[in-house]
Amino acid sequence: GDNPVNKDIAKTLHSEKSKQFAVLNNGVTIIAPEIAIQSNTKVMHLTNYQIINGCQTTNTLYEHYADLNDNVELVVKFIESQDTDVAIEIVTATNNQSAVENEAFYALREKARLIQKFFDIQRNDEAKEKLFFERRENEYRNKSIQTTKIYDIKELARCFISVFKLRPHDASRYVKKVLNTSDIVFDDKDNECAYHCAAYICYKFNTLINGRKNDAPKYNRLRWHIAMLYPWVVFGKVETPDPSSKKITAYCDKVLKTLLNEEYIENFKTCQRIIDSIEMPTDDQIKRGKYTSELKEAAEKFLNK
């Protein structure tokens, strides 16, 4: 992308300073659970690797690959570890790059770890569907888990901002924008239950879409707006507690209770009726806060009937 950091990297590559690239650039940090080096050729074999720092450098080098020569050198750090946590200090200390890395940074946050732990505990409850929060890319690969039950950083952020930040328009758009604005998601003060609850709502509506039930596929492009509406339908009023408030646990418990029996089907139908009570938005309108505000007003009218 053409953000300022990428432009700076490209500028260095095309200037006299290209020989100093290794000094001027922070380099790339790669983590992998398994790294092998062939002693005779010095070729490295990485298994299931992840670039946790220097994604923008990597992208820009790829885009300008044809312009590179032997003068351009890059510092690459390899970390062999089963767990990204060992790399936290390295990444935090050396990183001054932006947008592309933010997912990796959220994955390293203490809050993300606590949310993952919360998801793990919830899977012990026999009554609930087993959902997974994939904090690190491909963490659950080869574990024969249904992909619809896995929520990565981006997808979980989408669920959360739709339900608890009332920003389904941003979820429909570019979640990167949200991840670049600190403390909207994975804030230390947030209660982990809010993330699990938001994912559960989205998961249940997804099952209706995939099962082609109750006209759900017709509302697929509005699924984030449906997620926002769902708790209001459960409580019969437009009210969303702050995810860090004392009320949030009881609020999430009540919402989850409805998702564990057939009650949720009727609730989602009501969400669809609220959407039908105003004009169906265009694809462009779905991505705008104006439609979200109109839908909120429509929900207030509908639920106060």
Protein backbone atom coordinates (compact mmCIF):
# COMPACT_ATOMS: atom_id res chain seq x y z
CA GLY A 1 0.00 0.00 0.00
CA ASP A 2 0.98 3.65 -0.42
CA ASN A 3 1.17 4.65 3.21
CA PRO A 4 3.99 6.99 4.37
CA VAL A 5 6.14 4.18 5.77
CA ASN A 6 6.02 2.19 2.51
CA LYS A 7 6.84 5.35 0.53
CA ASP A 8 9.87 6.01 2.77
CA ILE A 9 11.12 2.45 2.33
CA ALA A 10 10.70 2.70 -1.47
CA LYS A 11 12.46 6.10 -1.49
CA THR A 12 15.47 4.64 0.31
CA LEU A 13 15.62 1.74 -2.16
CA HIS A 14 15.74 4.12 -5.13
CA SER A 15 18.28 6.54 -3.68
CA GLU A 16 22.01 6.60 -3.04
CA LYS A 17 21.18 5.39 0.45
CA SER A 18 20.17 1.95 -0.84
CA LYS A 19 23.63 0.66 0.18
CA GLN A 20 22.79 1.65 3.76
CA PHE A 21 19.39 -0.05 3.66
CA ALA A 22 20.34 -2.60 6.33
CA VAL A 23 21.31 0.21 8.71
CA LEU A 24 18.36 2.51 7.97
CA ASN A 25 15.72 -0.22 8.16
CA ASN A 26 14.64 -2.15 11.25
CA GLY A 27 14.75 -5.38 9.30
CA VAL A 28 12.44 -8.34 9.48
CA THR A 29 11.70 -10.72 12.36
CA ILE A 30 10.39 -14.16 11.51
CA ILE A 31 9.18 -16.70 14.04
CA ALA A 32 8.63 -20.40 13.34
CA PRO A 33 8.07 -23.45 15.52
CA GLU A 34 10.76 -25.28 13.55
CA ILE A 35 13.82 -23.91 11.74
CA ALA A 36 16.43 -26.11 10.07
CA ILE A 37 19.66 -24.97 8.39
CA GLN A 38 21.44 -27.08 5.79
CA SER A 39 25.08 -26.79 6.79
CA ASN A 40 26.54 -27.21 3.30
CA THR A 41 24.27 -24.74 1.45
CA LYS A 42 23.25 -22.53 4.40
CA VAL A 43 19.66 -22.78 3.13
CA MET A 44 17.07 -22.35 5.88
CA HIS A 45 13.87 -24.39 6.03
CA LEU A 46 11.04 -22.79 8.00
CA THR A 47 7.91 -24.63 9.05
CA ASN A 48 4.67 -22.66 9.47
CA TYR A 49 6.56 -19.36 9.76
CA GLN A 50 5.10 -15.95 10.51
CA ILE A 51 6.57 -12.50 9.89
CA ILE A 52 5.91 -10.73 13.17
CA ASN A 53 7.85 -7.58 12.37
CA GLY A 54 8.75 -5.95 9.06
CA CYS A 55 5.68 -6.86 7.01
CA GLN A 56 5.79 -3.46 5.31
CA THR A 57 9.46 -3.85 4.46
CA THR A 58 8.71 -7.29 3.01
CA ASN A 59 5.80 -5.98 0.93
CA THR A 60 7.77 -3.01 -0.38
CA LEU A 61 10.80 -5.15 -1.28
CA TYR A 62 8.46 -7.50 -3.14
CA GLU A 63 6.83 -4.62 -5.03
CA HIS A 64 10.24 -3.19 -6.02
CA TYR A 65 11.96 -6.54 -6.52
CA ALA A 66 12.98 -5.72 -10.10
CA ASP A 67 14.91 -2.64 -8.89
CA LEU A 68 16.96 -4.44 -6.26
CA ASN A 69 20.66 -5.15 -6.68
CA ASP A 70 23.36 -6.84 -4.62
CA ASN A 71 24.02 -3.62 -2.71
CA VAL A 72 20.69 -3.85 -0.91
CA GLU A 73 21.06 -5.85 2.26
CA LEU A 74 18.50 -6.61 4.94
CA VAL A 75 18.81 -7.73 8.55
CA VAL A 76 16.55 -10.73 9.21
CA LYS A 77 16.11 -12.18 12.69
CA PHE A 78 14.86 -15.76 12.97
CA ILE A 79 13.31 -16.97 16.21
CA GLU A 80 12.60 -20.65 16.67
CA SER A 81 9.81 -21.04 19.20
CA GLN A 82 6.48 -22.78 19.67
CA ASP A 83 5.08 -19.59 21.11
CA THR A 84 5.16 -16.05 19.78
CA ASP A 85 5.24 -14.73 23.33
CA VAL A 86 9.03 -15.06 23.47
CA ALA A 87 9.24 -12.47 20.69
CA ILE A 88 7.20 -9.75 22.42
CA GLU A 89 10.15 -7.73 23.68
CA ILE A 90 12.02 -8.00 20.40
CA VAL A 91 9.04 -6.82 18.38
CA THR A 92 8.02 -4.05 20.75
CA ALA A 93 11.57 -2.78 21.12
CA THR A 94 12.48 -2.73 17.45
CA ASN A 95 9.26 -1.85 15.71
CA ASN A 96 8.41 1.63 14.51
CA GLN A 97 6.39 0.60 11.49
CA SER A 98 2.65 0.90 11.20
CA ALA A 99 -0.53 -0.52 9.69
CA VAL A 100 0.54 -3.91 8.37
CA GLU A 101 2.02 -4.99 11.69
CA ASN A 102 -0.89 -4.07 13.87
CA GLU A 103 -2.47 -7.51 13.83
CA ALA A 104 0.79 -9.02 15.06
CA PHE A 105 0.87 -6.41 17.82
CA TYR A 106 -2.68 -7.10 18.92
CA ALA A 107 -1.80 -10.80 19.05
CA LEU A 108 0.99 -9.99 21.48
CA ARG A 109 -1.16 -7.92 23.80
CA GLU A 110 -1.93 -9.31 27.22
CA LYS A 111 -5.65 -8.72 26.55
CA ALA A 112 -5.55 -10.93 23.44
CA ARG A 113 -4.00 -13.71 25.53
CA LEU A 114 -6.69 -13.35 28.19
CA ILE A 115 -9.43 -13.45 25.55
CA GLN A 116 -7.93 -16.62 24.10
CA LYS A 117 -7.84 -18.17 27.56
CA PHE A 118 -11.50 -17.18 28.04
CA PHE A 119 -12.45 -18.92 24.76
CA ASP A 120 -10.50 -22.01 25.91
CA ILE A 121 -12.43 -22.12 29.21
CA GLN A 122 -15.78 -21.63 27.46
CA ARG A 123 -15.12 -24.72 25.33
CA ASN A 124 -15.37 -26.82 28.51
CA ASP A 125 -19.06 -25.94 28.75
CA GLU A 126 -20.89 -28.84 27.10
CA ALA A 127 -23.93 -26.69 26.32
CA LYS A 128 -21.96 -24.23 24.19
CA GLU A 129 -20.57 -24.50 20.69
CA LYS A 130 -16.79 -24.74 20.77
CA LEU A 131 -15.42 -21.50 19.33
CA PHE A 132 -11.73 -20.72 18.89
CA PHE A 133 -9.89 -17.41 18.98
CA GLU A 134 -6.86 -17.74 16.72
CA ARG A 135 -4.51 -15.19 18.22
CA ARG A 136 -1.61 -16.19 16.00
CA GLU A 137 -1.96 -16.98 12.32
CA ASN A 138 -2.64 -20.64 11.49
CA GLU A 139 -2.49 -21.60 15.16
CA TYR A 140 -5.22 -24.16 14.70
CA ARG A 141 -4.10 -25.40 11.30
CA ASN A 142 -4.13 -29.20 10.90
CA LYS A 143 -6.25 -29.58 14.05
CA SER A 144 -9.38 -30.64 12.09
CA ILE A 145 -11.44 -27.76 13.48
CA GLN A 146 -14.32 -26.40 11.44
CA THR A 147 -13.08 -23.11 9.96
CA THR A 148 -16.39 -21.35 10.72
CA LYS A 149 -15.62 -21.84 14.43
CA ILE A 150 -12.24 -20.10 14.22
CA TYR A 151 -12.06 -16.33 14.74
CA ASP A 152 -8.78 -14.60 13.98
CA ILE A 153 -7.79 -11.10 15.17
CA LYS A 154 -9.58 -9.34 12.28
CA GLU A 155 -12.76 -11.39 12.43
CA LEU A 156 -13.05 -11.11 16.21
CA ALA A 157 -12.46 -7.35 15.96
CA ARG A 158 -15.30 -7.17 13.41
CA CYS A 159 -17.69 -9.05 15.71
CA PHE A 160 -16.74 -6.95 18.72
CA ILE A 161 -16.99 -3.50 17.11
CA SER A 162 -20.36 -4.44 15.57
CA VAL A 163 -21.95 -5.57 18.84
CA PHE A 164 -20.26 -3.45 21.51
CA LYS A 165 -18.97 -0.36 19.67
CA LEU A 166 -22.03 -0.09 17.38
CA ARG A 167 -19.79 0.20 14.33
CA PRO A 168 -21.03 -2.49 11.93
CA HIS A 169 -20.30 -0.09 9.05
CA ASP A 170 -16.59 -0.26 9.91
CA ALA A 171 -16.76 -4.06 10.18
CA SER A 172 -18.27 -4.12 6.67
CA ARG A 173 -15.49 -1.94 5.43
CA TYR A 174 -11.83 -2.13 6.34
CA VAL A 175 -11.15 -3.54 9.72
CA LYS A 176 -7.51 -2.40 9.27
CA LYS A 177 -8.72 1.14 9.92
CA VAL A 178 -10.08 -0.07 13.26
CA LEU A 179 -6.94 -2.00 14.15
CA ASN A 180 -4.93 1.14 13.48
CA THR A 181 -6.95 3.10 16.04
CA SER A 182 -5.71 1.96 19.40
CA ASP A 183 -8.02 0.96 22.23
CA ILE A 184 -11.17 0.43 20.17
CA VAL A 185 -10.47 -3.29 20.39
CA PHE A 186 -8.43 -5.40 22.83
CA ASP A 187 -8.45 -2.63 25.41
CA ASP A 188 -7.05 -3.74 28.76
CA LYS A 189 -10.24 -2.61 30.52
CA ASP A 190 -12.58 -4.71 28.32
CA ASN A 191 -14.15 -7.80 29.82
CA GLU A 192 -13.18 -10.91 27.83
CA CYS A 193 -16.77 -12.19 27.92
CA ALA A 194 -17.80 -9.39 25.51
CA TYR A 195 -15.50 -10.78 22.80
CA HIS A 196 -16.79 -14.32 23.22
CA CYS A 197 -20.40 -13.13 23.26
CA ALA A 198 -19.93 -11.04 20.08
CA ALA A 199 -18.29 -13.97 18.26
CA TYR A 200 -21.09 -16.31 19.39
CA ILE A 201 -23.79 -14.01 17.98
CA CYS A 202 -21.97 -13.81 14.65
CA TYR A 203 -21.34 -17.56 14.61
CA LYS A 204 -25.01 -18.40 15.17
CA PHE A 205 -26.19 -16.07 12.40
CA ASN A 206 -23.52 -17.53 10.15
CA THR A 207 -24.93 -21.03 10.71
CA LEU A 208 -28.33 -19.76 9.51
CA ILE A 209 -26.72 -18.21 6.42
CA ASN A 210 -24.76 -21.38 5.62
CA GLY A 211 -27.79 -23.56 6.31
CA ARG A 212 -29.88 -21.27 4.05
CA LYS A 213 -32.51 -20.95 6.79
CA ASN A 214 -35.12 -18.26 7.50
CA ASP A 215 -34.07 -16.07 4.57
CA ALA A 216 -30.75 -15.45 6.37
CA PRO A 217 -28.68 -15.50 3.13
CA LYS A 218 -30.67 -12.47 1.95
CA TYR A 219 -29.14 -10.52 4.88
CA ASN A 220 -25.59 -11.81 4.47
CA ARG A 221 -24.15 -8.39 3.56
CA LEU A 222 -25.89 -6.96 6.65
CA ARG A 223 -24.65 -9.64 9.03
CA TRP A 224 -22.63 -7.15 11.09
CA HIS A 225 -25.69 -4.93 11.49
CA ILE A 226 -27.73 -7.99 12.52
CA ALA A 227 -25.08 -8.73 15.17
CA MET A 228 -25.50 -5.19 16.55
CA LEU A 229 -29.29 -5.56 16.69
CA TYR A 230 -29.36 -9.01 18.32
CA PRO A 231 -28.76 -8.02 22.01
CA TRP A 232 -31.29 -5.19 21.69
CA VAL A 233 -33.90 -7.71 20.54
CA VAL A 234 -33.01 -9.97 23.49
CA PHE A 235 -33.45 -7.11 25.99
CA GLY A 236 -36.32 -5.45 24.13
CA LYS A 237 -34.53 -2.09 24.17
CA VAL A 238 -31.66 -0.27 22.51
CA GLU A 239 -29.01 -0.34 25.18
CA THR A 240 -25.40 -1.51 25.07
CA PRO A 241 -23.29 -1.48 28.23
CA ASP A 242 -19.65 -0.53 28.04
CA PRO A 243 -17.53 -3.70 27.63
CA SER A 244 -15.56 -2.71 30.73
CA SER A 245 -18.60 -2.09 32.96
CA LYS A 246 -19.78 -4.26 35.86
CA LYS A 247 -23.04 -4.96 34.01
CA ILE A 248 -21.34 -6.63 31.07
CA THR A 249 -21.09 -10.18 32.48
CA ALA A 250 -24.81 -10.46 33.25
CA TYR A 251 -25.60 -8.82 29.89
CA CYS A 252 -23.51 -11.36 27.96
CA ASP A 253 -24.88 -14.27 30.01
CA LYS A 254 -28.44 -13.33 29.10
CA VAL A 255 -27.58 -12.97 25.40
CA LEU A 256 -25.72 -16.30 25.37
CA LYS A 257 -28.60 -18.08 27.08
CA THR A 258 -30.86 -17.23 24.13
CA LEU A 259 -28.26 -18.57 21.69
CA LEU A 260 -28.20 -21.98 23.39
CA ASN A 261 -31.80 -22.83 22.52
CA GLU A 262 -34.14 -22.28 19.58
CA GLU A 263 -35.02 -18.80 20.86
CA TYR A 264 -32.22 -17.30 18.77
CA ILE A 265 -34.01 -18.19 15.51
CA GLU A 266 -36.98 -15.96 16.38
CA ASN A 267 -34.64 -13.23 17.62
CA PHE A 268 -32.74 -13.17 14.34
CA LYS A 269 -36.05 -13.04 12.47
CA THR A 270 -36.91 -9.94 14.52
CA CYS A 271 -33.53 -8.41 13.59
CA GLN A 272 -34.41 -9.02 9.94
CA ARG A 273 -37.81 -7.38 10.42
CA ILE A 274 -36.13 -4.29 11.91
CA ILE A 275 -33.90 -4.09 8.82
CA ASP A 276 -36.99 -4.48 6.60
CA SER A 277 -38.74 -1.63 8.44
CA ILE A 278 -36.54 0.91 6.64
CA GLU A 279 -35.21 1.11 3.11
CA MET A 280 -32.72 -1.60 2.15
CA PRO A 281 -29.28 0.05 1.91
CA THR A 282 -26.96 -0.04 -1.09
CA ASP A 283 -23.55 -1.69 -0.72
CA ASP A 284 -22.06 1.76 -0.28
CA GLN A 285 -24.58 2.83 2.40
CA ILE A 286 -23.82 -0.31 4.43
CA LYS A 287 -20.30 1.05 4.93
CA ARG A 288 -21.49 4.40 6.27
CA GLY A 289 -22.26 5.42 9.84
CA LYS A 290 -25.42 7.20 8.61
CA TYR A 291 -27.16 3.89 7.86
CA THR A 292 -26.12 2.51 11.27
CA SER A 293 -27.75 5.55 12.95
CA GLU A 294 -30.93 5.11 10.89
CA LEU A 295 -31.05 1.43 11.82
CA LYS A 296 -30.60 2.27 15.51
CA GLU A 297 -33.57 4.67 15.28
CA ALA A 298 -35.60 1.99 13.48
CA ALA A 299 -34.77 -0.48 16.28
CA GLU A 300 -35.92 2.01 18.92
CA LYS A 301 -39.24 2.51 17.12
CA PHE A 302 -39.72 -1.20 16.50
CA LEU A 303 -38.93 -2.30 20.06
CA ASN A 304 -41.02 0.46 21.66
CA LYS A 305 -44.14 -0.59 19.79
